[in-house]
Protein backbone atom coordinates (compact mmCIF):
# COMPACT_ATOMS: atom_id res chain seq x y z
CA MET A 1 38.48 -104.59 -173.82
CA ALA A 2 37.00 -108.02 -173.32
CA SER A 3 40.01 -109.68 -174.84
CA LYS A 4 42.07 -108.53 -171.89
CA VAL A 5 39.48 -109.63 -169.33
CA PHE A 6 40.00 -112.63 -167.08
CA LYS A 7 38.14 -115.33 -169.08
CA LYS A 8 36.85 -117.73 -166.44
CA ARG A 9 33.12 -118.15 -166.13
CA ILE A 10 31.34 -117.08 -162.96
CA GLY A 11 30.36 -120.64 -162.10
CA GLU A 12 34.03 -121.66 -162.17
CA LEU A 13 34.97 -118.81 -159.86
CA LEU A 14 32.26 -119.79 -157.37
CA VAL A 15 33.50 -123.39 -157.31
CA GLU A 16 37.17 -122.28 -156.92
CA SER A 17 36.21 -120.07 -153.96
CA GLY A 18 34.20 -122.85 -152.29
CA ALA A 19 30.93 -120.88 -152.47
CA ILE A 20 29.28 -123.78 -154.28
CA SER A 21 30.30 -127.41 -155.07
CA PRO A 22 30.96 -128.83 -158.55
CA GLU A 23 27.79 -130.89 -158.17
CA GLN A 24 25.71 -127.81 -157.47
CA LEU A 25 27.16 -126.09 -160.50
CA LYS A 26 26.27 -129.06 -162.71
CA ILE A 27 22.66 -129.03 -161.45
CA ALA A 28 22.52 -125.23 -162.10
CA LEU A 29 23.94 -125.57 -165.64
CA ASP A 30 21.40 -128.26 -166.46
CA LYS A 31 18.58 -126.01 -165.31
CA GLN A 32 20.05 -123.04 -167.16
CA LYS A 33 19.56 -124.93 -170.43
CA THR A 34 15.76 -124.96 -169.91
CA THR A 35 15.34 -121.49 -168.32
CA GLY A 36 17.86 -119.45 -170.32
CA GLN A 37 18.69 -117.44 -167.21
CA ARG A 38 22.15 -116.29 -166.17
CA ILE A 39 23.95 -118.92 -164.05
CA GLY A 40 23.98 -116.60 -161.06
CA GLN A 41 20.24 -116.15 -161.15
CA VAL A 42 19.75 -119.91 -161.46
CA LEU A 43 21.95 -120.57 -158.42
CA ILE A 44 20.03 -117.98 -156.42
CA SER A 45 16.64 -119.38 -157.50
CA LEU A 46 17.77 -122.88 -156.42
CA GLY A 47 18.83 -121.54 -153.01
CA MET A 48 22.42 -122.61 -153.55
CA ILE A 49 23.84 -119.15 -152.94
CA SER A 50 22.55 -115.73 -151.82
CA GLU A 51 22.83 -112.69 -154.08
CA GLU A 52 25.07 -110.97 -151.53
CA LYS A 53 27.44 -113.93 -151.38
CA LEU A 54 27.48 -114.13 -155.20
CA MET A 55 28.48 -110.45 -155.50
CA GLN A 56 31.07 -110.70 -152.72
CA THR A 57 32.75 -113.74 -154.21
CA THR A 58 32.78 -112.29 -157.75
CA ALA A 59 34.16 -108.94 -156.52
CA GLN A 60 36.91 -110.66 -154.43
CA LYS A 61 37.97 -113.07 -157.19
CA LEU A 62 38.15 -110.39 -159.89
CA ASP A 63 39.51 -107.77 -157.46
CA ILE A 64 36.91 -105.17 -158.49
CA PRO A 65 34.67 -102.98 -156.22
CA GLN A 66 31.18 -103.97 -155.09
CA ILE A 67 28.92 -100.92 -154.83
CA ASN A 68 25.43 -99.81 -153.83
CA LEU A 69 23.62 -97.77 -156.57
CA GLU A 70 20.60 -96.69 -154.54
CA ASP A 71 21.60 -93.07 -153.95
CA MET A 72 23.97 -92.57 -156.84
CA VAL A 73 23.40 -89.59 -159.18
CA ILE A 74 24.78 -90.38 -162.67
CA ASP A 75 25.44 -87.58 -165.14
CA ARG A 76 23.03 -87.58 -168.07
CA ASP A 77 25.91 -87.40 -170.59
CA VAL A 78 27.41 -90.61 -169.12
CA VAL A 79 24.07 -92.45 -169.18
CA SER A 80 23.63 -91.54 -172.85
CA ILE A 81 26.84 -93.36 -173.79
CA ILE A 82 25.04 -96.72 -173.52
CA SER A 83 21.49 -97.11 -174.85
CA ALA A 84 18.60 -98.14 -172.62
CA GLY A 85 18.13 -101.30 -174.70
CA MET A 86 21.76 -102.38 -174.23
CA ALA A 87 21.65 -101.63 -170.50
CA LYS A 88 18.47 -103.73 -170.03
CA LYS A 89 19.73 -106.53 -172.27
CA HIS A 90 22.97 -107.02 -170.34
CA LEU A 91 21.88 -105.76 -166.92
CA LEU A 92 24.42 -102.98 -166.59
CA ILE A 93 24.62 -99.20 -166.35
CA PRO A 94 27.41 -96.68 -166.97
CA LEU A 95 28.51 -94.79 -163.87
CA PHE A 96 31.22 -92.28 -164.84
CA ARG A 97 33.78 -91.50 -167.49
CA ILE A 98 37.35 -90.27 -167.00
CA GLY A 99 39.01 -89.55 -170.34
CA ASN A 100 38.67 -92.65 -172.49
CA VAL A 101 37.84 -94.94 -169.51
CA LEU A 102 34.18 -95.81 -168.88
CA THR A 103 33.24 -97.41 -165.57
CA ILE A 104 30.10 -99.57 -165.69
CA ALA A 105 28.19 -101.43 -162.97
CA MET A 106 27.35 -105.00 -163.95
CA TYR A 107 25.34 -107.81 -162.42
CA ASP A 108 27.54 -110.31 -164.26
CA PRO A 109 31.01 -108.77 -164.71
CA LEU A 110 32.09 -111.89 -166.71
CA ASP A 111 29.52 -111.27 -169.47
CA PHE A 112 32.11 -111.15 -172.19
CA ILE A 113 29.57 -110.61 -174.97
CA ALA A 114 28.39 -107.43 -173.26
CA LEU A 115 31.92 -106.20 -172.63
CA ASP A 116 32.87 -106.79 -176.25
CA GLU A 117 29.74 -105.10 -177.47
CA ILE A 118 30.21 -101.99 -175.29
CA SER A 119 33.90 -101.76 -176.17
CA TYR A 120 33.04 -101.93 -179.90
CA TYR A 121 30.31 -99.30 -179.83
CA THR A 122 31.94 -96.81 -177.37
CA LYS A 123 35.58 -97.23 -178.46
CA MET A 124 36.50 -96.85 -174.78
CA VAL A 125 38.41 -98.85 -172.19
CA ILE A 126 35.85 -100.53 -169.92
CA LYS A 127 36.28 -100.84 -166.15
CA ARG A 128 33.83 -102.95 -164.13
CA VAL A 129 32.22 -102.82 -160.71
CA VAL A 130 29.71 -105.29 -159.32
CA ALA A 131 26.15 -104.31 -158.24
CA SER A 132 23.02 -106.34 -157.35
CA LYS A 133 20.38 -107.13 -159.94
CA SER A 134 17.74 -105.07 -158.13
CA ASP A 135 20.08 -102.08 -157.83
CA ILE A 136 20.88 -102.09 -161.54
CA GLU A 137 17.28 -102.53 -162.54
CA MET A 138 16.27 -99.61 -160.29
CA ALA A 139 19.10 -97.48 -161.68
CA ILE A 140 18.12 -98.25 -165.24
CA GLU A 141 14.47 -97.29 -164.47
CA ARG A 142 15.61 -94.11 -162.73
CA HIS A 143 18.18 -92.87 -165.22
CA TYR A 144 16.61 -94.01 -168.46
CA SER A 145 12.96 -93.54 -167.61
CA ILE A 146 12.66 -89.85 -168.51
CA GLY A 147 14.29 -90.30 -171.91
CA GLU A 148 12.15 -93.34 -172.65
CA ALA A 149 9.00 -91.58 -171.52
CA VAL A 150 9.77 -88.69 -173.83
CA SER A 151 10.28 -91.10 -176.70
CA LYS A 152 6.98 -92.82 -175.96
CA VAL A 153 5.14 -89.54 -175.75
CA VAL A 154 6.62 -88.32 -179.05
CA GLU A 155 6.01 -91.66 -180.81
CA GLY A 156 2.53 -92.20 -179.36
CA MET A 157 0.98 -88.80 -180.00
CA LYS A 158 0.25 -86.78 -183.10
CA ALA A 159 1.82 -83.34 -183.50
CA GLU A 160 -1.51 -81.55 -182.75
CA GLU A 161 -1.92 -83.63 -179.58
CA LEU A 162 1.56 -82.70 -178.34
CA ALA A 163 0.82 -78.99 -178.55
CA VAL A 164 -2.56 -79.22 -176.78
CA ASP A 165 -3.03 -77.00 -173.76
CA VAL A 166 -3.78 -78.62 -170.40
CA ASP A 167 -7.09 -76.80 -170.02
CA GLU A 168 -8.28 -79.03 -172.90
CA ILE A 169 -7.20 -82.17 -171.03
CA ASP A 170 -9.22 -83.75 -168.27
CA VAL A 171 -6.47 -84.26 -165.66
CA ASP A 172 -7.07 -85.44 -162.10
CA ILE A 173 -3.97 -84.14 -160.23
CA GLU A 174 -4.59 -86.48 -157.33
CA LYS A 175 -3.79 -89.51 -159.51
CA ASP A 176 -0.55 -91.30 -158.80
CA ILE A 177 2.48 -92.03 -160.98
CA THR A 178 0.56 -94.64 -162.97
CA ASP A 179 -1.66 -91.96 -164.56
CA ASP A 180 -2.26 -92.80 -168.27
CA MET A 181 -1.66 -89.27 -169.64
CA PRO A 182 1.85 -89.26 -171.16
CA VAL A 183 2.66 -85.67 -170.13
CA VAL A 184 1.44 -86.39 -166.61
CA LYS A 185 3.58 -89.50 -166.44
CA LEU A 186 6.56 -87.50 -167.74
CA ILE A 187 6.28 -84.75 -165.10
CA ASN A 188 5.80 -87.37 -162.36
CA LEU A 189 9.01 -89.03 -163.45
CA ILE A 190 10.89 -85.76 -163.35
CA ILE A 191 9.59 -85.08 -159.84
CA TYR A 192 10.40 -88.65 -158.72
CA ARG A 193 13.95 -88.46 -160.00
CA GLY A 194 14.43 -85.03 -158.47
CA ILE A 195 13.54 -86.30 -155.04
CA LYS A 196 15.68 -89.43 -155.45
CA SER A 197 18.63 -87.28 -156.63
CA LYS A 198 18.31 -85.16 -153.43
CA ALA A 199 17.93 -82.05 -155.62
CA SER A 200 16.94 -78.77 -153.99
CA ASP A 201 15.42 -77.35 -157.13
CA LEU A 202 14.07 -78.51 -160.50
CA HIS A 203 14.27 -76.15 -163.49
CA LEU A 204 12.18 -76.39 -166.70
CA ASP A 205 13.93 -73.98 -169.05
CA PRO A 206 12.46 -73.41 -172.55
CA ASP A 207 14.86 -72.34 -175.33
CA GLU A 208 15.18 -72.50 -179.10
CA GLY A 209 15.90 -76.26 -179.01
CA GLY A 210 13.13 -77.36 -176.65
CA LEU A 211 12.72 -77.68 -172.91
CA ARG A 212 15.83 -78.27 -170.78
CA ILE A 213 15.28 -80.18 -167.53
CA ARG A 214 17.91 -79.27 -164.93
CA PHE A 215 18.38 -80.24 -161.24
CA ARG A 216 20.29 -78.21 -158.61
CA ILE A 217 22.16 -80.72 -156.45
CA ASP A 218 24.39 -79.43 -153.63
CA GLY A 219 24.13 -75.96 -155.13
CA ILE A 220 25.32 -77.00 -158.63
CA MET A 221 23.08 -77.21 -161.71
CA HIS A 222 22.99 -80.53 -163.68
CA ASP A 223 21.38 -81.17 -167.05
CA VAL A 224 19.21 -84.31 -166.87
CA ALA A 225 16.97 -84.32 -169.96
CA ARG A 226 15.79 -82.30 -172.92
CA LEU A 227 12.21 -82.39 -174.21
CA PRO A 228 11.22 -81.44 -177.79
CA LYS A 229 9.49 -78.08 -178.48
CA THR A 230 6.19 -79.79 -178.99
CA LEU A 231 6.11 -80.83 -175.30
CA ILE A 232 6.88 -77.39 -173.80
CA MET A 233 3.26 -76.21 -173.50
CA GLY A 234 1.92 -79.49 -172.14
CA ALA A 235 4.71 -79.99 -169.58
CA ILE A 236 4.56 -76.39 -168.27
CA SER A 237 0.77 -76.45 -168.13
CA ARG A 238 0.80 -79.75 -166.19
CA VAL A 239 3.04 -78.19 -163.50
CA LYS A 240 0.80 -75.10 -163.35
CA VAL A 241 -2.30 -77.30 -162.81
CA MET A 242 -0.56 -79.19 -160.02
CA ALA A 243 0.48 -75.93 -158.36
CA ASN A 244 -3.03 -74.41 -158.69
CA MET A 245 -1.72 -71.60 -160.94
CA ASP A 246 -3.65 -69.84 -163.78
CA VAL A 247 -3.03 -71.95 -166.87
CA SER A 248 -4.41 -69.27 -169.22
CA GLU A 249 -2.07 -66.57 -167.91
CA LYS A 250 1.24 -66.76 -169.72
CA ARG A 251 2.34 -63.09 -169.73
CA LEU A 252 2.92 -62.52 -165.99
CA PRO A 253 5.01 -64.28 -163.28
CA GLN A 254 3.09 -66.59 -161.01
CA ASP A 255 3.68 -68.58 -157.81
CA GLY A 256 2.10 -71.82 -156.55
CA ARG A 257 2.75 -74.94 -154.55
CA PHE A 258 1.76 -78.59 -154.38
CA GLN A 259 2.44 -81.71 -152.35
CA VAL A 260 3.28 -85.35 -153.25
CA LYS A 261 3.73 -88.43 -151.15
CA PHE A 262 7.11 -90.14 -151.47
CA LYS A 263 7.97 -93.23 -149.37
CA GLU A 264 5.28 -92.42 -146.82
CA THR A 265 6.63 -88.83 -146.49
CA LEU A 266 4.82 -85.74 -147.71
CA VAL A 267 7.15 -83.58 -149.86
CA ASP A 268 6.21 -79.94 -150.53
CA PHE A 269 7.02 -78.17 -153.80
CA ARG A 270 7.13 -74.42 -154.28
CA VAL A 271 6.66 -73.32 -157.89
CA SER A 272 7.58 -70.05 -159.63
CA SER A 273 7.04 -69.18 -163.28
CA ILE A 274 8.33 -66.31 -165.43
CA PRO A 275 7.57 -65.55 -169.08
CA THR A 276 10.41 -65.86 -171.67
CA PRO A 277 10.51 -65.50 -175.47
CA PHE A 278 10.34 -69.32 -175.79
CA GLY A 279 7.67 -70.02 -173.22
CA GLU A 280 7.33 -69.97 -169.42
CA LYS A 281 10.37 -70.95 -167.32
CA MET A 282 9.49 -72.95 -164.20
CA ALA A 283 11.54 -73.18 -161.03
CA ILE A 284 10.39 -75.82 -158.55
CA ARG A 285 11.84 -75.75 -155.05
CA ILE A 286 11.73 -79.15 -153.25
CA LEU A 287 10.97 -78.90 -149.53
CA ASP A 288 11.69 -82.40 -148.30
CA LYS A 289 10.85 -82.52 -144.56
CA SER A 290 12.71 -85.80 -144.14
CA GLY A 291 16.02 -84.03 -144.91
CA LEU A 292 15.40 -81.02 -142.60
CA ILE A 293 18.04 -80.50 -139.92
CA LEU A 294 16.70 -78.70 -136.86
CA GLU A 295 19.73 -78.93 -134.63
CA ILE A 296 21.55 -75.60 -134.33
CA ASN A 297 24.91 -77.24 -133.63
CA LYS A 298 24.71 -79.02 -137.02
CA MET A 299 24.17 -75.84 -139.06
CA GLY A 300 27.91 -75.18 -139.76
CA PHE A 301 28.51 -72.61 -137.02
CA SER A 302 32.11 -72.29 -135.82
CA GLN A 303 32.56 -72.64 -132.05
CA THR A 304 33.01 -68.90 -131.61
CA ASN A 305 29.97 -67.95 -133.72
CA LEU A 306 27.82 -70.70 -132.15
CA LYS A 307 28.60 -69.43 -128.64
CA GLN A 308 27.74 -65.86 -129.63
CA TRP A 309 24.57 -66.99 -131.52
CA LEU A 310 23.26 -68.98 -128.54
CA ASP A 311 23.80 -65.92 -126.30
CA LEU A 312 21.90 -63.70 -128.80
CA ILE A 313 18.88 -65.99 -129.17
CA GLY A 314 18.62 -66.37 -125.42
CA ARG A 315 17.93 -62.63 -124.97
CA PRO A 316 14.40 -61.39 -124.28
CA GLU A 317 14.32 -58.68 -126.97
CA GLY A 318 16.06 -57.24 -129.99
CA LEU A 319 16.04 -57.63 -133.82
CA ILE A 320 18.25 -60.38 -135.28
CA LEU A 321 18.67 -60.45 -139.04
CA ILE A 322 19.88 -63.32 -141.27
CA THR A 323 21.11 -62.25 -144.72
CA GLY A 324 22.23 -63.95 -147.90
CA PRO A 325 21.00 -64.77 -151.40
CA THR A 326 18.19 -67.21 -152.22
CA GLY A 327 19.26 -70.74 -151.43
CA SER A 328 21.87 -69.80 -148.82
CA GLY A 329 20.12 -71.70 -145.97
CA LYS A 330 18.55 -68.70 -144.20
CA THR A 331 15.23 -70.48 -143.58
CA SER A 332 16.94 -73.63 -142.30
CA THR A 333 18.99 -71.58 -139.83
CA LEU A 334 15.88 -69.73 -138.66
CA TYR A 335 13.91 -72.95 -138.17
CA ALA A 336 16.80 -74.60 -136.31
CA THR A 337 17.03 -71.49 -134.11
CA LEU A 338 13.27 -71.45 -133.33
CA SER A 339 13.34 -75.18 -132.58
CA ARG A 340 16.12 -74.52 -130.08
CA ILE A 341 14.30 -71.73 -128.16
CA SER A 342 10.67 -72.80 -128.56
CA THR A 343 9.23 -74.13 -125.26
CA PRO A 344 5.74 -74.46 -123.83
CA GLU A 345 6.52 -71.45 -121.57
CA LYS A 346 7.03 -69.15 -124.58
CA SER A 347 4.64 -67.86 -127.22
CA VAL A 348 6.35 -68.05 -130.65
CA VAL A 349 4.59 -66.74 -133.75
CA THR A 350 5.88 -66.64 -137.33
CA VAL A 351 4.60 -64.87 -140.44
CA GLU A 352 5.88 -66.56 -143.61
CA ASP A 353 5.39 -66.70 -147.37
CA PRO A 354 5.30 -69.58 -147.78
CA ILE A 355 5.37 -71.76 -144.68
CA GLU A 356 8.07 -74.24 -145.69
CA TYR A 357 7.89 -76.58 -142.74
CA ASN A 358 5.54 -77.00 -139.80
CA LEU A 359 7.28 -76.46 -136.44
CA PRO A 360 6.08 -77.84 -133.08
CA LEU A 361 5.16 -75.30 -130.35
CA VAL A 362 5.10 -72.55 -133.01
CA THR A 363 2.07 -70.66 -134.39
CA GLN A 364 2.74 -70.09 -138.09
CA VAL A 365 0.80 -67.58 -140.25
CA GLN A 366 0.71 -67.87 -144.05
CA ILE A 367 0.75 -64.64 -146.03
CA ASN A 368 -2.11 -64.19 -148.52
CA GLU A 369 -1.65 -61.00 -150.47
CA LYS A 370 -4.70 -61.59 -152.66
CA ALA A 371 -6.81 -61.55 -149.53
CA GLY A 372 -4.98 -58.51 -148.11
CA LEU A 373 -2.94 -60.49 -145.57
CA THR A 374 0.51 -58.92 -146.07
CA PHE A 375 3.52 -59.12 -143.79
CA ALA A 376 2.68 -55.67 -142.37
CA VAL A 377 -0.99 -56.52 -141.73
CA ALA A 378 -0.13 -59.84 -140.12
CA LEU A 379 2.55 -58.32 -137.93
CA ARG A 380 0.24 -55.64 -136.55
CA SER A 381 -2.21 -58.38 -135.45
CA ILE A 382 0.60 -60.66 -134.17
CA VAL A 383 1.97 -57.94 -131.88
CA ARG A 384 -1.47 -57.72 -130.20
CA GLN A 385 -1.36 -61.51 -129.62
CA ASN A 386 1.20 -60.94 -126.83
CA PRO A 387 4.01 -63.14 -128.30
CA ASP A 388 7.45 -63.56 -126.75
CA ILE A 389 9.22 -64.35 -130.05
CA ILE A 390 8.29 -63.26 -133.56
CA MET A 391 9.77 -64.51 -136.82
CA VAL A 392 9.17 -62.53 -140.02
CA GLY A 393 9.98 -64.56 -143.10
CA GLU A 394 11.41 -61.59 -144.97
CA ILE A 395 11.54 -57.82 -144.59
CA ARG A 396 10.41 -56.62 -148.06
CA ASP A 397 9.24 -53.05 -147.46
CA ILE A 398 9.37 -50.14 -145.08
CA ALA A 399 6.06 -51.02 -143.37
CA THR A 400 7.24 -54.50 -142.44
CA ALA A 401 10.63 -53.12 -141.35
CA GLU A 402 9.05 -50.46 -139.12
CA ILE A 403 6.71 -52.86 -137.36
CA SER A 404 9.54 -55.42 -136.86
CA ILE A 405 11.79 -52.73 -135.36
CA ARG A 406 9.12 -51.34 -133.07
CA ALA A 407 8.18 -54.89 -131.88
CA SER A 408 11.81 -55.50 -130.99
CA MET A 409 11.91 -52.22 -129.06
CA THR A 410 8.81 -53.12 -127.02
CA GLY A 411 10.02 -56.33 -125.42
CA HIS A 412 9.94 -58.91 -128.23
CA LEU A 413 12.74 -61.00 -129.73
CA VAL A 414 12.29 -60.66 -133.52
CA PHE A 415 13.98 -62.66 -136.26
CA SER A 416 13.86 -61.86 -139.95
CA THR A 417 15.80 -62.13 -143.21
CA LEU A 418 17.15 -59.72 -145.80
CA HIS A 419 18.76 -60.21 -149.20
CA THR A 420 22.16 -58.57 -148.81
CA SER A 421 25.77 -59.42 -149.78
CA ASP A 422 27.20 -59.37 -146.23
CA ALA A 423 26.33 -58.53 -142.66
CA PRO A 424 27.26 -54.77 -142.37
CA VAL A 425 25.36 -53.86 -145.55
CA ALA A 426 22.13 -54.93 -143.84
CA ILE A 427 22.38 -51.78 -141.74
CA ASN A 428 22.60 -49.60 -144.88
CA ARG A 429 19.75 -51.61 -146.52
CA LEU A 430 17.34 -50.79 -143.69
CA MET A 431 18.18 -47.10 -143.90
CA ASP A 432 17.81 -47.18 -147.68
CA MET A 433 14.26 -48.49 -147.11
CA GLY A 434 13.54 -45.30 -145.19
CA ILE A 435 14.09 -46.42 -141.56
CA GLU A 436 15.55 -43.67 -139.38
CA PRO A 437 19.21 -44.35 -138.45
CA TYR A 438 18.53 -44.05 -134.69
CA LEU A 439 15.86 -46.79 -134.98
CA VAL A 440 18.25 -49.13 -136.80
CA SER A 441 21.12 -48.61 -134.36
CA THR A 442 19.00 -49.16 -131.23
CA SER A 443 16.92 -52.09 -132.45
CA VAL A 444 19.28 -54.33 -134.40
CA SER A 445 21.14 -56.68 -132.05
CA ALA A 446 23.08 -58.68 -134.67
CA VAL A 447 23.26 -59.62 -138.33
CA LEU A 448 24.24 -63.10 -139.50
CA ALA A 449 25.33 -63.39 -143.18
CA GLN A 450 25.77 -66.88 -144.61
CA ARG A 451 26.48 -68.95 -147.70
CA LEU A 452 26.50 -72.68 -148.39
CA VAL A 453 29.58 -74.61 -149.59
CA ARG A 454 29.84 -78.18 -150.69
CA VAL A 455 31.40 -80.66 -148.19
CA LEU A 456 34.23 -82.91 -149.28
CA CYS A 457 33.33 -86.59 -149.52
CA ASP A 458 34.90 -88.38 -146.53
CA ASN A 459 35.27 -91.53 -148.52
CA CYS A 460 37.61 -90.18 -151.22
CA LYS A 461 39.06 -86.79 -150.27
CA ALA A 462 42.84 -86.60 -150.42
CA GLU A 463 45.68 -84.15 -149.78
CA GLN A 464 46.49 -81.94 -152.77
CA LYS A 465 50.17 -82.37 -153.57
CA LYS A 466 50.30 -80.02 -156.55
CA ILE A 467 48.56 -76.64 -156.08
CA ASP A 468 47.78 -74.42 -159.10
CA ALA A 469 48.78 -70.76 -159.16
CA PRO A 470 45.44 -69.10 -158.22
CA THR A 471 44.98 -71.47 -155.27
CA GLN A 472 48.59 -71.02 -154.19
CA GLU A 473 48.08 -67.25 -154.19
CA LEU A 474 45.16 -67.66 -151.76
CA VAL A 475 47.13 -70.11 -149.62
CA GLU A 476 49.96 -67.58 -149.26
CA ARG A 477 47.60 -64.60 -148.87
CA TYR A 478 45.78 -66.13 -145.95
CA ASN A 479 48.70 -68.00 -144.43
CA LEU A 480 47.10 -71.44 -144.79
CA ASN A 481 50.15 -73.51 -144.07
CA GLY A 482 48.50 -76.86 -143.38
CA PRO A 483 47.67 -79.54 -145.92
CA ILE A 484 45.12 -78.53 -148.61
CA VAL A 485 42.53 -81.27 -149.27
CA LYS A 486 41.08 -81.81 -152.73
CA PRO A 487 37.99 -83.64 -154.10
CA VAL A 488 38.76 -86.96 -155.80
CA GLY A 489 35.47 -88.64 -156.67
CA CYS A 490 34.13 -92.09 -155.93
CA THR A 491 30.93 -94.08 -156.34
CA LYS A 492 29.52 -92.81 -153.05
CA CYS A 493 29.61 -89.16 -154.22
CA SER A 494 28.83 -89.89 -157.89
CA MET A 495 32.40 -88.91 -158.82
CA THR A 496 31.81 -85.29 -157.73
CA GLY A 497 34.20 -85.38 -154.72
CA TYR A 498 31.53 -83.69 -152.60
CA SER A 499 28.69 -84.93 -150.42
CA GLY A 500 26.25 -82.47 -148.88
CA ARG A 501 26.65 -78.85 -147.89
CA THR A 502 27.45 -76.79 -144.81
CA ALA A 503 27.17 -73.08 -143.97
CA ILE A 504 29.95 -70.54 -143.75
CA ASN A 505 28.98 -67.27 -142.11
CA GLU A 506 29.91 -63.97 -140.49
CA LEU A 507 28.18 -62.68 -137.31
CA LEU A 508 28.11 -58.93 -136.75
CA LEU A 509 27.30 -57.86 -133.19
CA MET A 510 26.13 -54.28 -132.84
CA SER A 511 28.61 -52.41 -130.59
CA PRO A 512 28.50 -48.79 -129.37
CA GLN A 513 31.00 -47.88 -132.11
CA LEU A 514 28.89 -49.52 -134.83
CA GLN A 515 25.75 -47.81 -133.40
CA GLU A 516 27.52 -44.45 -133.66
CA LEU A 517 28.50 -45.12 -137.27
CA SER A 518 24.93 -46.17 -138.05
CA ASN A 519 23.54 -43.02 -136.48
CA ARG A 520 25.50 -40.86 -138.92
CA LYS A 521 24.67 -43.11 -141.88
CA ALA A 522 28.27 -44.19 -142.36
CA PRO A 523 28.94 -46.04 -145.68
CA HIS A 524 29.21 -49.79 -145.87
CA VAL A 525 33.05 -49.73 -146.08
CA GLU A 526 33.36 -47.91 -142.75
CA LEU A 527 30.92 -50.24 -141.04
CA ARG A 528 32.76 -53.31 -142.34
CA ARG A 529 36.19 -52.00 -141.41
CA GLN A 530 34.97 -51.27 -137.89
CA ALA A 531 33.40 -54.72 -137.58
CA LEU A 532 36.59 -56.41 -138.69
CA LYS A 533 38.52 -54.27 -136.21
CA GLU A 534 36.24 -55.52 -133.46
CA GLY A 535 36.88 -59.14 -134.42
CA LEU A 536 34.27 -59.96 -137.09
CA ILE A 537 35.32 -63.23 -138.74
CA SER A 538 34.34 -62.72 -142.41
CA ILE A 539 32.48 -65.26 -144.53
CA ARG A 540 35.67 -65.89 -146.48
CA ALA A 541 37.77 -66.31 -143.29
CA ASP A 542 35.18 -68.74 -141.84
CA GLY A 543 35.24 -70.64 -145.10
CA LEU A 544 39.07 -70.79 -145.07
CA SER A 545 38.96 -72.21 -141.56
CA LYS A 546 36.86 -75.05 -142.95
CA VAL A 547 39.44 -75.51 -145.72
CA ALA A 548 42.12 -75.77 -143.09
CA ALA A 549 40.04 -78.36 -141.26
CA GLY A 550 39.65 -80.46 -144.45
CA ILE A 551 35.87 -79.85 -144.66
CA THR A 552 35.72 -78.05 -148.02
CA THR A 553 37.99 -76.61 -150.69
CA ILE A 554 39.42 -73.16 -151.46
CA GLU A 555 37.62 -73.23 -154.79
CA GLU A 556 34.26 -73.69 -153.02
CA VAL A 557 34.90 -70.83 -150.65
CA VAL A 558 35.98 -68.48 -153.43
CA ARG A 559 32.92 -69.51 -155.45
CA VAL A 560 30.46 -68.25 -152.84
CA SER A 561 32.33 -65.43 -151.00
CA HIS A 562 33.83 -62.13 -152.05
CA ASP A 563 37.38 -60.95 -151.28
CA ASP A 564 37.83 -58.22 -148.65
CA ASP A 565 40.93 -56.35 -149.89
CA PHE A 566 40.92 -53.99 -146.91
CA SER A 567 40.32 -56.83 -144.45
CA LEU A 568 43.77 -58.23 -145.14
CA ASP A 569 45.11 -55.58 -142.75
CA ASN A 570 43.29 -57.39 -139.98
CA PRO A 571 45.69 -59.70 -138.09
CA ASN A 572 42.70 -61.95 -137.17
CA LEU A 573 42.87 -63.41 -140.70
CA SER A 574 45.98 -65.53 -140.15
CA GLU A 575 45.30 -69.25 -140.05
CA LYS A 576 46.51 -69.60 -136.52
CA THR A 577 44.27 -66.82 -135.21
CA ILE A 578 41.31 -67.93 -137.25
CA LEU A 579 41.54 -71.46 -135.85
CA GLU A 580 42.01 -70.16 -132.32
CA GLN A 581 39.01 -67.79 -132.55
CA ILE A 582 36.71 -70.20 -134.42
CA GLY A 583 37.72 -73.25 -132.46
CA GLY A 584 38.83 -75.25 -135.55
């Protein structure tokens, strides 16, 4: 509450600290009477103090943090606590809420009128941090812009205009964010905020109440806005026009892509639509080249798995598979691998759908099924191009699988991906497609299965003193005797406790014993038990090693990996042995 706030004015604090003289303050106060600006802005305009010095002095005197808002992602529910008008009027923005305590960033943390007003309307205890004027203005634009744009669209258009289909609107999709069409402006704002938030995917989900806008950030979905029902058709159609999709077709799934320029960088977007009872649902994958990591030693491999992986990719032939669900980092691992082994002395060719990033020294072929260029057709031609290394974006059918396998058996190193739950089941998956067991056992060199887990924020992570029962059970089960680190939350990680993601994986190497089991079409359980017996470090075990190293949490590992009940018989799963094998 403002009544409990230290009541000195900011000018007095600056004089007390020696940042300005009493004479300078008097001059600034006189000018303030004619300009009506805040005293801090007057002092800066007169050149008596820099904005950085103003913030530093204020933060030190009031003993409150000074923060940078540029990359902060603020939850939509928190933003909605304070109206856009109030935020702009007092130059502040809410950051996060814990119980009945609301933390706000202010340009002038001694604006008692603003503090009293917010306390009165929110009925919360207000905590302050200091941020620059430009940071707060940018944050207000970023976090309130979508809601305001929606309001302007709704207020400025008649009901029949809101429902109009995009094929009735003359839209030039090459126009920038200043385009006058309200729906165009709205979609541009969603895209802009998605990139700024470092989201991997944007989701436009129609339901009974309207159109939900959600972002996937570090693997977790976040609600960011809701559009009224009247805007569903226009918003979805706008995205379809941008992605060169058929606007008139609403009954069948479609795929498309488009590109935008953001801060001098071209960002690719991959779009997928599916029909639902309330309209078409759009999923937009953001392929930001500026954030692509192409260094294999930064992909999350443990020391043991990295050593084995580098040995595998240095071989002249064989089929290496990477498995995992959509969004598990398979493509990033493949690209980092190809970047490591691509040299002018080698011919490297890929066949992809779509090509997500352009790689140097690599010939990349884009699938075009409408024109008849399928994976199988492309592969047959690629093999005749005399390549050394082939990368197949995904094995989807028996024809692609057979050509990939035969290419690996005739002197080519072949990489590809499959959608399977773990590494050993990839062997069964190929045989289920119709591939003969002897071809699978002799061609497959290794299978890498991986998932992505969120990484703890280095700025705020702390040791977990009190451990709940489910976590304690896992700690005891896997003999994790070291300190367990927990997420705390700070301004740098938007109070999530996490910052970024890393891979956890298991690497199955085909041994004579596994080849024998494959030849007789042994079930997945037998293959997995044999792999663990030979020293396979499971995805869960690899994840737990990262828990022991303070990189992530048990909850994150459990969220993305399954429990191997029969693998607990394996002595390699003790913490000591895991860390010795993995090099943690």
